[in-house]
Amino acid sequence: MENITVKDIVAATGGRLLCGNAAQKIEHLSIDSRTMKGNDLFVPLIGEKVDAHRFIPQVFEKGAAATLTSRGGETDGGHPWIL
């Protein structure tokens, strides 16, 4: 992914930026918190056994740039969260 920002993701998804910097660059897309490359957009999937929303704090520690979320109430205030 080249020259993609949080603002671009918000526009493409029809989402809403809950917090964070809209100009933050996104370089990778990840659905697995164990395989982060840095500057990732984390997409937390909800499965039968695991809801990956619980890994959001960990992905930011591993270098994620932003996250999507289907839950409007939870953010950390500093990183971009896209509802």
PDB file of N, CA and C in Angstrom:
ATOM      1  N   MET A   1       0.855  -1.167   0.000  1.00  0.00           N
ATOM      2  CA  MET A   1       0.000   0.000   0.000  1.00  0.00           C
ATOM      3  C   MET A   1       0.903   1.232   0.000  1.00  0.00           C
ATOM      4  N   GLU A   2       0.627   2.147  -0.882  1.00  0.00           N
ATOM      5  CA  GLU A   2       1.441   3.351  -0.946  1.00  0.00           C
ATOM      6  C   GLU A   2       0.578   4.593  -0.796  1.00  0.00           C
ATOM      7  N   ASN A   3       1.066   5.505   0.017  1.00  0.00           N
ATOM      8  CA  ASN A   3       0.416   6.804   0.206  1.00  0.00           C
ATOM      9  C   ASN A   3      -1.045   6.700   0.631  1.00  0.00           C
ATOM     10  N   ILE A   4      -1.350   5.710   1.450  1.00  0.00           N
ATOM     11  CA  ILE A   4      -2.691   5.550   2.003  1.00  0.00           C
ATOM     12  C   ILE A   4      -2.672   6.125   3.416  1.00  0.00           C
ATOM     13  N   THR A   5      -3.678   6.907   3.749  1.00  0.00           N
ATOM     14  CA  THR A   5      -3.770   7.486   5.091  1.00  0.00           C
ATOM     15  C   THR A   5      -5.043   7.007   5.773  1.00  0.00           C
ATOM     16  N   VAL A   6      -5.116   7.277   7.055  1.00  0.00           N
ATOM     17  CA  VAL A   6      -6.327   6.969   7.814  1.00  0.00           C
ATOM     18  C   VAL A   6      -7.525   7.666   7.180  1.00  0.00           C
ATOM     19  N   LYS A   7      -7.338   8.901   6.739  1.00  0.00           N
ATOM     20  CA  LYS A   7      -8.421   9.637   6.089  1.00  0.00           C
ATOM     21  C   LYS A   7      -8.944   8.889   4.863  1.00  0.00           C
ATOM     22  N   ASP A   8      -8.041   8.288   4.082  1.00  0.00           N
ATOM     23  CA  ASP A   8      -8.437   7.499   2.911  1.00  0.00           C
ATOM     24  C   ASP A   8      -9.259   6.278   3.318  1.00  0.00           C
ATOM     25  N   ILE A   9      -8.855   5.622   4.395  1.00  0.00           N
ATOM     26  CA  ILE A   9      -9.582   4.437   4.880  1.00  0.00           C
ATOM     27  C   ILE A   9     -10.970   4.843   5.358  1.00  0.00           C
ATOM     28  N   VAL A  10     -11.064   5.950   6.073  1.00  0.00           N
ATOM     29  CA  VAL A  10     -12.363   6.444   6.543  1.00  0.00           C
ATOM     30  C   VAL A  10     -13.283   6.698   5.349  1.00  0.00           C
ATOM     31  N   ALA A  11     -12.759   7.348   4.321  1.00  0.00           N
ATOM     32  CA  ALA A  11     -13.565   7.645   3.137  1.00  0.00           C
ATOM     33  C   ALA A  11     -13.978   6.370   2.401  1.00  0.00           C
ATOM     34  N   ALA A  12     -13.048   5.418   2.269  1.00  0.00           N
ATOM     35  CA  ALA A  12     -13.329   4.186   1.543  1.00  0.00           C
ATOM     36  C   ALA A  12     -14.358   3.304   2.249  1.00  0.00           C
ATOM     37  N   THR A  13     -14.352   3.341   3.576  1.00  0.00           N
ATOM     38  CA  THR A  13     -15.261   2.486   4.339  1.00  0.00           C
ATOM     39  C   THR A  13     -16.570   3.175   4.687  1.00  0.00           C
ATOM     40  N   GLY A  14     -16.625   4.491   4.494  1.00  0.00           N
ATOM     41  CA  GLY A  14     -17.802   5.230   4.948  1.00  0.00           C
ATOM     42  C   GLY A  14     -17.863   5.280   6.456  1.00  0.00           C
ATOM     43  N   GLY A  15     -16.699   5.127   7.073  1.00  0.00           N
ATOM     44  CA  GLY A  15     -16.614   5.086   8.526  1.00  0.00           C
ATOM     45  C   GLY A  15     -16.506   6.468   9.139  1.00  0.00           C
ATOM     46  N   ARG A  16     -16.170   6.449  10.426  1.00  0.00           N
ATOM     47  CA  ARG A  16     -16.009   7.690  11.179  1.00  0.00           C
ATOM     48  C   ARG A  16     -14.765   7.555  12.040  1.00  0.00           C
ATOM     49  N   LEU A  17     -13.912   8.567  12.012  1.00  0.00           N
ATOM     50  CA  LEU A  17     -12.706   8.553  12.832  1.00  0.00           C
ATOM     51  C   LEU A  17     -13.089   8.933  14.257  1.00  0.00           C
ATOM     52  N   LEU A  18     -12.887   7.997  15.180  1.00  0.00           N
ATOM     53  CA  LEU A  18     -13.255   8.230  16.578  1.00  0.00           C
ATOM     54  C   LEU A  18     -12.197   9.050  17.313  1.00  0.00           C
ATOM     55  N   CYS A  19     -10.939   8.848  16.962  1.00  0.00           N
ATOM     56  CA  CYS A  19      -9.837   9.593  17.571  1.00  0.00           C
ATOM     57  C   CYS A  19      -8.589   9.361  16.747  1.00  0.00           C
ATOM     58  N   GLY A  20      -7.564  10.141  17.014  1.00  0.00           N
ATOM     59  CA  GLY A  20      -6.289   9.966  16.335  1.00  0.00           C
ATOM     60  C   GLY A  20      -6.119  10.880  15.137  1.00  0.00           C
ATOM     61  N   ASN A  21      -4.987  10.729  14.502  1.00  0.00           N
ATOM     62  CA  ASN A  21      -4.548  11.588  13.414  1.00  0.00           C
ATOM     63  C   ASN A  21      -5.007  11.030  12.062  1.00  0.00           C
ATOM     64  N   ALA A  22      -5.839  11.772  11.342  1.00  0.00           N
ATOM     65  CA  ALA A  22      -6.345  11.346  10.036  1.00  0.00           C
ATOM     66  C   ALA A  22      -5.243  11.283   8.986  1.00  0.00           C
ATOM     67  N   ALA A  23      -4.141  11.978   9.207  1.00  0.00           N
ATOM     68  CA  ALA A  23      -3.036  11.990   8.244  1.00  0.00           C
ATOM     69  C   ALA A  23      -2.059  10.832   8.442  1.00  0.00           C
ATOM     70  N   GLN A  24      -2.279  10.001   9.455  1.00  0.00           N
ATOM     71  CA  GLN A  24      -1.395   8.862   9.739  1.00  0.00           C
ATOM     72  C   GLN A  24      -1.317   7.953   8.508  1.00  0.00           C
ATOM     73  N   LYS A  25      -0.099   7.621   8.089  1.00  0.00           N
ATOM     74  CA  LYS A  25       0.105   6.738   6.937  1.00  0.00           C
ATOM     75  C   LYS A  25      -0.114   5.282   7.338  1.00  0.00           C
ATOM     76  N   ILE A  26      -0.696   4.534   6.422  1.00  0.00           N
ATOM     77  CA  ILE A  26      -0.917   3.094   6.576  1.00  0.00           C
ATOM     78  C   ILE A  26      -0.065   2.394   5.524  1.00  0.00           C
ATOM     79  N   GLU A  27       0.739   1.421   5.951  1.00  0.00           N
ATOM     80  CA  GLU A  27       1.597   0.705   5.007  1.00  0.00           C
ATOM     81  C   GLU A  27       1.186  -0.745   4.801  1.00  0.00           C
ATOM     82  N   HIS A  28       0.530  -1.329   5.786  1.00  0.00           N
ATOM     83  CA  HIS A  28       0.141  -2.740   5.688  1.00  0.00           C
ATOM     84  C   HIS A  28      -1.258  -2.928   6.259  1.00  0.00           C
ATOM     85  N   LEU A  29      -1.850  -4.045   5.934  1.00  0.00           N
ATOM     86  CA  LEU A  29      -3.144  -4.442   6.460  1.00  0.00           C
ATOM     87  C   LEU A  29      -2.945  -5.743   7.211  1.00  0.00           C
ATOM     88  N   SER A  30      -3.523  -5.858   8.407  1.00  0.00           N
ATOM     89  CA  SER A  30      -3.332  -7.073   9.194  1.00  0.00           C
ATOM     90  C   SER A  30      -4.630  -7.498   9.870  1.00  0.00           C
ATOM     91  N   ILE A  31      -4.886  -8.796   9.830  1.00  0.00           N
ATOM     92  CA  ILE A  31      -6.003  -9.374  10.585  1.00  0.00           C
ATOM     93  C   ILE A  31      -5.476 -10.277  11.698  1.00  0.00           C
ATOM     94  N   ASP A  32      -4.164 -10.362  11.811  1.00  0.00           N
ATOM     95  CA  ASP A  32      -3.545 -11.242  12.810  1.00  0.00           C
ATOM     96  C   ASP A  32      -2.559 -10.430  13.653  1.00  0.00           C
ATOM     97  N   SER A  33      -2.851 -10.302  14.927  1.00  0.00           N
ATOM     98  CA  SER A  33      -2.008  -9.497  15.822  1.00  0.00           C
ATOM     99  C   SER A  33      -0.604 -10.068  15.968  1.00  0.00           C
ATOM    100  N   ARG A  34      -0.411 -11.309  15.593  1.00  0.00           N
ATOM    101  CA  ARG A  34       0.902 -11.942  15.734  1.00  0.00           C
ATOM    102  C   ARG A  34       1.829 -11.667  14.562  1.00  0.00           C
ATOM    103  N   THR A  35       1.306 -11.114  13.481  1.00  0.00           N
ATOM    104  CA  THR A  35       2.122 -10.936  12.278  1.00  0.00           C
ATOM    105  C   THR A  35       2.198  -9.476  11.833  1.00  0.00           C
ATOM    106  N   MET A  36       2.213  -8.572  12.775  1.00  0.00           N
ATOM    107  CA  MET A  36       2.268  -7.145  12.461  1.00  0.00           C
ATOM    108  C   MET A  36       3.607  -6.804  11.814  1.00  0.00           C
ATOM    109  N   LYS A  37       3.582  -5.925  10.804  1.00  0.00           N
ATOM    110  CA  LYS A  37       4.795  -5.501  10.112  1.00  0.00           C
ATOM    111  C   LYS A  37       5.207  -4.080  10.485  1.00  0.00           C
ATOM    112  N   GLY A  38       4.312  -3.330  11.096  1.00  0.00           N
ATOM    113  CA  GLY A  38       4.572  -1.928  11.417  1.00  0.00           C
ATOM    114  C   GLY A  38       3.763  -1.024  10.508  1.00  0.00           C
ATOM    115  N   ASN A  39       3.184   0.004  11.088  1.00  0.00           N
ATOM    116  CA  ASN A  39       2.290   0.922  10.374  1.00  0.00           C
ATOM    117  C   ASN A  39       1.118   0.191   9.720  1.00  0.00           C
ATOM    118  N   ASP A  40       0.624  -0.820  10.420  1.00  0.00           N
ATOM    119  CA  ASP A  40      -0.501  -1.607   9.914  1.00  0.00           C
ATOM    120  C   ASP A  40      -1.834  -0.955  10.248  1.00  0.00           C
ATOM    121  N   LEU A  41      -2.828  -1.253   9.421  1.00  0.00           N
ATOM    122  CA  LEU A  41      -4.222  -1.047   9.787  1.00  0.00           C
ATOM    123  C   LEU A  41      -4.694  -2.404  10.283  1.00  0.00           C
ATOM    124  N   PHE A  42      -5.082  -2.483  11.540  1.00  0.00           N
ATOM    125  CA  PHE A  42      -5.547  -3.741  12.114  1.00  0.00           C
ATOM    126  C   PHE A  42      -7.046  -3.855  11.916  1.00  0.00           C
ATOM    127  N   VAL A  43      -7.456  -5.002  11.379  1.00  0.00           N
ATOM    128  CA  VAL A  43      -8.873  -5.287  11.151  1.00  0.00           C
ATOM    129  C   VAL A  43      -9.262  -6.429  12.084  1.00  0.00           C
ATOM    130  N   PRO A  44      -9.910  -6.112  13.204  1.00  0.00           N
ATOM    131  CA  PRO A  44     -10.254  -7.153  14.180  1.00  0.00           C
ATOM    132  C   PRO A  44     -11.490  -7.944  13.737  1.00  0.00           C
ATOM    133  N   LEU A  45     -11.277  -9.207  13.427  1.00  0.00           N
ATOM    134  CA  LEU A  45     -12.378 -10.066  13.005  1.00  0.00           C
ATOM    135  C   LEU A  45     -13.041 -10.695  14.223  1.00  0.00           C
ATOM    136  N   ILE A  46     -14.333 -10.919  14.118  1.00  0.00           N
ATOM    137  CA  ILE A  46     -15.080 -11.572  15.185  1.00  0.00           C
ATOM    138  C   ILE A  46     -15.445 -12.966  14.700  1.00  0.00           C
ATOM    139  N   GLY A  47     -14.877 -13.966  15.366  1.00  0.00           N
ATOM    140  CA  GLY A  47     -15.138 -15.351  14.992  1.00  0.00           C
ATOM    141  C   GLY A  47     -16.021 -16.038  16.012  1.00  0.00           C
ATOM    142  N   GLU A  48     -16.225 -17.321  15.806  1.00  0.00           N
ATOM    143  CA  GLU A  48     -17.056 -18.101  16.724  1.00  0.00           C
ATOM    144  C   GLU A  48     -16.437 -18.197  18.113  1.00  0.00           C
ATOM    145  N   LYS A  49     -15.116 -18.270  18.179  1.00  0.00           N
ATOM    146  CA  LYS A  49     -14.441 -18.463  19.454  1.00  0.00           C
ATOM    147  C   LYS A  49     -13.687 -17.231  19.948  1.00  0.00           C
ATOM    148  N   VAL A  50     -13.234 -16.380  19.036  1.00  0.00           N
ATOM    149  CA  VAL A  50     -12.392 -15.248  19.430  1.00  0.00           C
ATOM    150  C   VAL A  50     -12.886 -13.962  18.769  1.00  0.00           C
ATOM    151  N   ASP A  51     -12.949 -12.922  19.553  1.00  0.00           N
ATOM    152  CA  ASP A  51     -13.233 -11.579  19.059  1.00  0.00           C
ATOM    153  C   ASP A  51     -11.913 -10.817  19.109  1.00  0.00           C
ATOM    154  N   ALA A  52     -11.358 -10.523  17.946  1.00  0.00           N
ATOM    155  CA  ALA A  52     -10.034  -9.913  17.874  1.00  0.00           C
ATOM    156  C   ALA A  52      -9.999  -8.477  18.392  1.00  0.00           C
ATOM    157  N   HIS A  53     -11.141  -7.890  18.718  1.00  0.00           N
ATOM    158  CA  HIS A  53     -11.126  -6.562  19.342  1.00  0.00           C
ATOM    159  C   HIS A  53     -10.308  -6.582  20.636  1.00  0.00           C
ATOM    160  N   ARG A  54     -10.246  -7.713  21.285  1.00  0.00           N
ATOM    161  CA  ARG A  54      -9.506  -7.795  22.551  1.00  0.00           C
ATOM    162  C   ARG A  54      -8.001  -7.655  22.362  1.00  0.00           C
ATOM    163  N   PHE A  55      -7.526  -7.790  21.118  1.00  0.00           N
ATOM    164  CA  PHE A  55      -6.096  -7.671  20.843  1.00  0.00           C
ATOM    165  C   PHE A  55      -5.674  -6.257  20.439  1.00  0.00           C
ATOM    166  N   ILE A  56      -6.608  -5.336  20.349  1.00  0.00           N
ATOM    167  CA  ILE A  56      -6.274  -3.989  19.881  1.00  0.00           C
ATOM    168  C   ILE A  56      -5.178  -3.325  20.728  1.00  0.00           C
ATOM    169  N   PRO A  57      -5.231  -3.361  22.050  1.00  0.00           N
ATOM    170  CA  PRO A  57      -4.124  -2.751  22.802  1.00  0.00           C
ATOM    171  C   PRO A  57      -2.762  -3.354  22.449  1.00  0.00           C
ATOM    172  N   GLN A  58      -2.714  -4.651  22.223  1.00  0.00           N
ATOM    173  CA  GLN A  58      -1.456  -5.318  21.885  1.00  0.00           C
ATOM    174  C   GLN A  58      -0.938  -4.921  20.506  1.00  0.00           C
ATOM    175  N   VAL A  59      -1.841  -4.749  19.534  1.00  0.00           N
ATOM    176  CA  VAL A  59      -1.361  -4.411  18.195  1.00  0.00           C
ATOM    177  C   VAL A  59      -0.743  -3.019  18.159  1.00  0.00           C
ATOM    178  N   PHE A  60      -1.254  -2.103  18.961  1.00  0.00           N
ATOM    179  CA  PHE A  60      -0.630  -0.789  19.019  1.00  0.00           C
ATOM    180  C   PHE A  60       0.760  -0.875  19.643  1.00  0.00           C
ATOM    181  N   GLU A  61       0.952  -1.750  20.594  1.00  0.00           N
ATOM    182  CA  GLU A  61       2.281  -1.966  21.172  1.00  0.00           C
ATOM    183  C   GLU A  61       3.240  -2.554  20.141  1.00  0.00           C
ATOM    184  N   LYS A  62       2.698  -3.322  19.182  1.00  0.00           N
ATOM    185  CA  LYS A  62       3.513  -3.966  18.154  1.00  0.00           C
ATOM    186  C   LYS A  62       3.699  -3.100  16.916  1.00  0.00           C
ATOM    187  N   GLY A  63       3.201  -1.863  16.942  1.00  0.00           N
ATOM    188  CA  GLY A  63       3.472  -0.955  15.843  1.00  0.00           C
ATOM    189  C   GLY A  63       2.321  -0.687  14.896  1.00  0.00           C
ATOM    190  N   ALA A  64       1.121  -1.112  15.242  1.00  0.00           N
ATOM    191  CA  ALA A  64      -0.019  -0.786  14.388  1.00  0.00           C
ATOM    192  C   ALA A  64      -0.205   0.723  14.333  1.00  0.00           C
ATOM    193  N   ALA A  65      -0.603   1.218  13.176  1.00  0.00           N
ATOM    194  CA  ALA A  65      -0.820   2.650  13.006  1.00  0.00           C
ATOM    195  C   ALA A  65      -2.254   3.038  13.323  1.00  0.00           C
ATOM    196  N   ALA A  66      -3.201   2.112  13.083  1.00  0.00           N
ATOM    197  CA  ALA A  66      -4.629   2.405  13.261  1.00  0.00           C
ATOM    198  C   ALA A  66      -5.391   1.096  13.368  1.00  0.00           C
ATOM    199  N   THR A  67      -6.644   1.199  13.786  1.00  0.00           N
ATOM    200  CA  THR A  67      -7.493   0.022  13.847  1.00  0.00           C
ATOM    201  C   THR A  67      -8.904   0.361  13.384  1.00  0.00           C
ATOM    202  N   LEU A  68      -9.529  -0.632  12.814  1.00  0.00           N
ATOM    203  CA  LEU A  68     -10.965  -0.555  12.595  1.00  0.00           C
ATOM    204  C   LEU A  68     -11.621  -1.087  13.858  1.00  0.00           C
ATOM    205  N   THR A  69     -12.855  -0.702  14.105  1.00  0.00           N
ATOM    206  CA  THR A  69     -13.603  -1.233  15.234  1.00  0.00           C
ATOM    207  C   THR A  69     -15.084  -1.194  14.917  1.00  0.00           C
ATOM    208  N   SER A  70     -15.801  -2.154  15.429  1.00  0.00           N
ATOM    209  CA  SER A  70     -17.258  -2.144  15.289  1.00  0.00           C
ATOM    210  C   SER A  70     -17.909  -1.686  16.581  1.00  0.00           C
ATOM    211  N   ARG A  71     -17.071  -1.232  17.510  1.00  0.00           N
ATOM    212  CA  ARG A  71     -17.544  -0.789  18.820  1.00  0.00           C
ATOM    213  C   ARG A  71     -17.174   0.669  19.026  1.00  0.00           C
ATOM    214  N   GLY A  72     -18.164   1.511  19.125  1.00  0.00           N
ATOM    215  CA  GLY A  72     -17.928   2.947  19.206  1.00  0.00           C
ATOM    216  C   GLY A  72     -17.410   3.462  20.522  1.00  0.00           C
ATOM    217  N   GLY A  73     -17.552   2.739  21.608  1.00  0.00           N
ATOM    218  CA  GLY A  73     -17.227   3.286  22.907  1.00  0.00           C
ATOM    219  C   GLY A  73     -15.796   3.163  23.351  1.00  0.00           C
ATOM    220  N   GLU A  74     -15.034   2.263  22.747  1.00  0.00           N
ATOM    221  CA  GLU A  74     -13.688   2.020  23.258  1.00  0.00           C
ATOM    222  C   GLU A  74     -12.622   2.602  22.350  1.00  0.00           C
ATOM    223  N   THR A  75     -11.781   3.444  22.911  1.00  0.00           N
ATOM    224  CA  THR A  75     -10.600   3.964  22.202  1.00  0.00           C
ATOM    225  C   THR A  75      -9.515   4.206  23.238  1.00  0.00           C
ATOM    226  N   ASP A  76      -8.310   4.416  22.766  1.00  0.00           N
ATOM    227  CA  ASP A  76      -7.242   4.780  23.698  1.00  0.00           C
ATOM    228  C   ASP A  76      -6.918   6.256  23.604  1.00  0.00           C
ATOM    229  N   GLY A  77      -7.592   6.963  22.708  1.00  0.00           N
ATOM    230  CA  GLY A  77      -7.420   8.402  22.589  1.00  0.00           C
ATOM    231  C   GLY A  77      -6.242   8.853  21.738  1.00  0.00           C
ATOM    232  N   GLY A  78      -5.200   8.052  21.626  1.00  0.00           N
ATOM    233  CA  GLY A  78      -4.022   8.498  20.904  1.00  0.00           C
ATOM    234  C   GLY A  78      -3.904   7.972  19.496  1.00  0.00           C
ATOM    235  N   HIS A  79      -4.249   6.734  19.307  1.00  0.00           N
ATOM    236  CA  HIS A  79      -4.134   6.099  17.996  1.00  0.00           C
ATOM    237  C   HIS A  79      -5.450   6.264  17.222  1.00  0.00           C
ATOM    238  N   PRO A  80      -5.369   6.244  15.888  1.00  0.00           N
ATOM    239  CA  PRO A  80      -6.591   6.325  15.092  1.00  0.00           C
ATOM    240  C   PRO A  80      -7.454   5.064  15.213  1.00  0.00           C
ATOM    241  N   TRP A  81      -8.705   5.285  15.565  1.00  0.00           N
ATOM    242  CA  TRP A  81      -9.724   4.227  15.629  1.00  0.00           C
ATOM    243  C   TRP A  81     -10.807   4.611  14.640  1.00  0.00           C
ATOM    244  N   ILE A  82     -11.113   3.711  13.714  1.00  0.00           N
ATOM    245  CA  ILE A  82     -12.107   3.964  12.683  1.00  0.00           C
ATOM    246  C   ILE A  82     -13.323   3.082  12.945  1.00  0.00           C
ATOM    247  N   LEU A  83     -14.447   3.728  13.156  1.00  0.00           N
ATOM    248  CA  LEU A  83     -15.699   3.003  13.408  1.00  0.00           C
ATOM    249  C   LEU A  83     -16.361   2.686  12.083  1.00  0.00           C
TER     250      LEU A  83
END
